[in-house]
Amino acid sequence: MAIPRGQRALRACRSVLLLCCLRSPAPLWAAPPCTAELGPGGDVQAALDALRPGPVALCLGAGEFPVHR
Protein backbone atom coordinates (compact mmCIF):
# COMPACT_ATOMS: atom_id res chain seq x y z
CA MET A 1 0.00 0.00 0.00
CA ALA A 2 1.42 3.37 -1.04
CA ILE A 3 1.74 6.24 1.42
CA PRO A 4 -0.07 9.41 0.26
CA ARG A 5 2.25 12.25 -0.83
CA GLY A 6 1.18 14.59 2.01
CA GLN A 7 1.92 11.97 4.64
CA ARG A 8 5.37 11.30 3.16
CA ALA A 9 6.20 15.01 3.48
CA LEU A 10 4.92 15.09 7.07
CA ARG A 11 7.01 12.05 7.99
CA ALA A 12 10.07 13.61 6.38
CA CYS A 13 9.58 16.85 8.35
CA ARG A 14 9.18 14.92 11.60
CA SER A 15 12.35 12.96 10.89
CA VAL A 16 14.36 16.11 10.20
CA LEU A 17 13.06 17.76 13.38
CA LEU A 18 13.93 14.69 15.45
CA LEU A 19 17.44 14.52 13.98
CA CYS A 20 18.02 18.23 14.67
CA CYS A 21 16.97 17.79 18.29
CA LEU A 22 19.22 14.77 18.71
CA ARG A 23 22.24 16.60 17.23
CA SER A 24 21.79 19.57 19.55
CA PRO A 25 24.80 19.90 21.92
CA ALA A 26 22.48 20.41 24.91
CA PRO A 27 18.89 19.47 25.57
CA LEU A 28 16.46 22.17 24.49
CA TRP A 29 15.07 22.42 28.02
CA ALA A 30 18.48 22.87 29.70
CA ALA A 31 19.33 26.40 30.74
CA PRO A 32 22.93 27.56 30.92
CA PRO A 33 24.34 28.11 34.42
CA CYS A 34 24.00 31.63 35.76
CA THR A 35 26.99 33.87 35.16
CA ALA A 36 25.38 36.54 37.36
CA GLU A 37 22.16 36.89 39.33
CA LEU A 38 20.00 39.95 39.86
CA GLY A 39 17.46 40.38 42.65
CA PRO A 40 14.07 42.10 42.46
CA GLY A 41 14.28 45.82 41.82
CA GLY A 42 17.86 45.54 40.57
CA ASP A 43 19.23 47.60 37.71
CA VAL A 44 19.15 45.29 34.68
CA GLN A 45 21.26 47.57 32.45
CA ALA A 46 23.97 47.95 35.09
CA ALA A 47 24.05 44.17 35.56
CA LEU A 48 24.40 43.65 31.79
CA ASP A 49 27.16 46.26 31.58
CA ALA A 50 29.09 44.50 34.37
CA LEU A 51 29.13 41.11 32.63
CA ARG A 52 32.36 39.92 31.07
CA PRO A 53 32.55 39.44 27.29
CA GLY A 54 31.64 36.03 25.94
CA PRO A 55 28.76 33.65 26.57
CA VAL A 56 26.88 34.72 29.67
CA ALA A 57 23.57 34.06 31.40
CA LEU A 58 22.02 36.72 33.63
CA CYS A 59 19.47 35.09 35.94
CA LEU A 60 16.67 37.26 37.26
CA GLY A 61 15.10 36.51 40.62
CA ALA A 62 11.33 36.56 41.10
CA GLY A 63 9.95 40.08 41.30
CA GLU A 64 9.67 43.28 39.30
CA PHE A 65 12.45 45.00 37.41
CA PRO A 66 11.69 48.62 36.47
CA VAL A 67 12.94 49.70 33.06
CA HIS A 68 14.01 53.33 32.74
CA ARG A 69 14.00 54.76 29.23
C-alpha atoms as a PDB file:
ATOM      1  CA  MET A   1       0.000   0.000   0.000  1.00  0.00           C
ATOM      2  CA  ALA A   2       1.418   3.370  -1.036  1.00  0.00           C
ATOM      3  CA  ILE A   3       1.743   6.243   1.416  1.00  0.00           C
ATOM      4  CA  PRO A   4      -0.065   9.415   0.262  1.00  0.00           C
ATOM      5  CA  ARG A   5       2.250  12.248  -0.825  1.00  0.00           C
ATOM      6  CA  GLY A   6       1.177  14.595   2.005  1.00  0.00           C
ATOM      7  CA  GLN A   7       1.923  11.967   4.637  1.00  0.00           C
ATOM      8  CA  ARG A   8       5.370  11.304   3.160  1.00  0.00           C
ATOM      9  CA  ALA A   9       6.198  15.009   3.477  1.00  0.00           C
ATOM     10  CA  LEU A  10       4.917  15.086   7.068  1.00  0.00           C
ATOM     11  CA  ARG A  11       7.008  12.048   7.987  1.00  0.00           C
ATOM     12  CA  ALA A  12      10.074  13.614   6.382  1.00  0.00           C
ATOM     13  CA  CYS A  13       9.583  16.846   8.352  1.00  0.00           C
ATOM     14  CA  ARG A  14       9.179  14.924  11.597  1.00  0.00           C
ATOM     15  CA  SER A  15      12.352  12.956  10.891  1.00  0.00           C
ATOM     16  CA  VAL A  16      14.361  16.111  10.197  1.00  0.00           C
ATOM     17  CA  LEU A  17      13.062  17.761  13.385  1.00  0.00           C
ATOM     18  CA  LEU A  18      13.934  14.693  15.447  1.00  0.00           C
ATOM     19  CA  LEU A  19      17.445  14.521  13.977  1.00  0.00           C
ATOM     20  CA  CYS A  20      18.022  18.232  14.666  1.00  0.00           C
ATOM     21  CA  CYS A  21      16.975  17.789  18.286  1.00  0.00           C
ATOM     22  CA  LEU A  22      19.223  14.768  18.714  1.00  0.00           C
ATOM     23  CA  ARG A  23      22.239  16.595  17.226  1.00  0.00           C
ATOM     24  CA  SER A  24      21.791  19.572  19.555  1.00  0.00           C
ATOM     25  CA  PRO A  25      24.804  19.902  21.922  1.00  0.00           C
ATOM     26  CA  ALA A  26      22.479  20.409  24.905  1.00  0.00           C
ATOM     27  CA  PRO A  27      18.891  19.467  25.569  1.00  0.00           C
ATOM     28  CA  LEU A  28      16.460  22.168  24.491  1.00  0.00           C
ATOM     29  CA  TRP A  29      15.072  22.422  28.022  1.00  0.00           C
ATOM     30  CA  ALA A  30      18.482  22.867  29.698  1.00  0.00           C
ATOM     31  CA  ALA A  31      19.326  26.396  30.740  1.00  0.00           C
ATOM     32  CA  PRO A  32      22.933  27.565  30.922  1.00  0.00           C
ATOM     33  CA  PRO A  33      24.342  28.113  34.417  1.00  0.00           C
ATOM     34  CA  CYS A  34      23.999  31.626  35.764  1.00  0.00           C
ATOM     35  CA  THR A  35      26.991  33.871  35.159  1.00  0.00           C
ATOM     36  CA  ALA A  36      25.377  36.543  37.362  1.00  0.00           C
ATOM     37  CA  GLU A  37      22.160  36.889  39.333  1.00  0.00           C
ATOM     38  CA  LEU A  38      19.997  39.948  39.861  1.00  0.00           C
ATOM     39  CA  GLY A  39      17.461  40.376  42.647  1.00  0.00           C
ATOM     40  CA  PRO A  40      14.069  42.096  42.455  1.00  0.00           C
ATOM     41  CA  GLY A  41      14.285  45.817  41.820  1.00  0.00           C
ATOM     42  CA  GLY A  42      17.861  45.535  40.574  1.00  0.00           C
ATOM     43  CA  ASP A  43      19.231  47.604  37.709  1.00  0.00           C
ATOM     44  CA  VAL A  44      19.145  45.288  34.682  1.00  0.00           C
ATOM     45  CA  GLN A  45      21.260  47.569  32.453  1.00  0.00           C
ATOM     46  CA  ALA A  46      23.973  47.949  35.087  1.00  0.00           C
ATOM     47  CA  ALA A  47      24.053  44.169  35.556  1.00  0.00           C
ATOM     48  CA  LEU A  48      24.399  43.648  31.787  1.00  0.00           C
ATOM     49  CA  ASP A  49      27.155  46.261  31.579  1.00  0.00           C
ATOM     50  CA  ALA A  50      29.090  44.504  34.370  1.00  0.00           C
ATOM     51  CA  LEU A  51      29.126  41.110  32.629  1.00  0.00           C
ATOM     52  CA  ARG A  52      32.364  39.917  31.070  1.00  0.00           C
ATOM     53  CA  PRO A  53      32.549  39.442  27.292  1.00  0.00           C
ATOM     54  CA  GLY A  54      31.636  36.027  25.937  1.00  0.00           C
ATOM     55  CA  PRO A  55      28.763  33.647  26.568  1.00  0.00           C
ATOM     56  CA  VAL A  56      26.884  34.722  29.673  1.00  0.00           C
ATOM     57  CA  ALA A  57      23.571  34.061  31.402  1.00  0.00           C
ATOM     58  CA  LEU A  58      22.024  36.716  33.632  1.00  0.00           C
ATOM     59  CA  CYS A  59      19.474  35.085  35.937  1.00  0.00           C
ATOM     60  CA  LEU A  60      16.671  37.258  37.264  1.00  0.00           C
ATOM     61  CA  GLY A  61      15.097  36.514  40.624  1.00  0.00           C
ATOM     62  CA  ALA A  62      11.335  36.555  41.097  1.00  0.00           C
ATOM     63  CA  GLY A  63       9.949  40.081  41.299  1.00  0.00           C
ATOM     64  CA  GLU A  64       9.670  43.280  39.302  1.00  0.00           C
ATOM     65  CA  PHE A  65      12.448  45.002  37.414  1.00  0.00           C
ATOM     66  CA  PRO A  66      11.690  48.618  36.472  1.00  0.00           C
ATOM     67  CA  VAL A  67      12.939  49.696  33.062  1.00  0.00           C
ATOM     68  CA  HIS A  68      14.010  53.335  32.741  1.00  0.00           C
ATOM     69  CA  ARG A  69      13.998  54.755  29.232  1.00  0.00           C
END
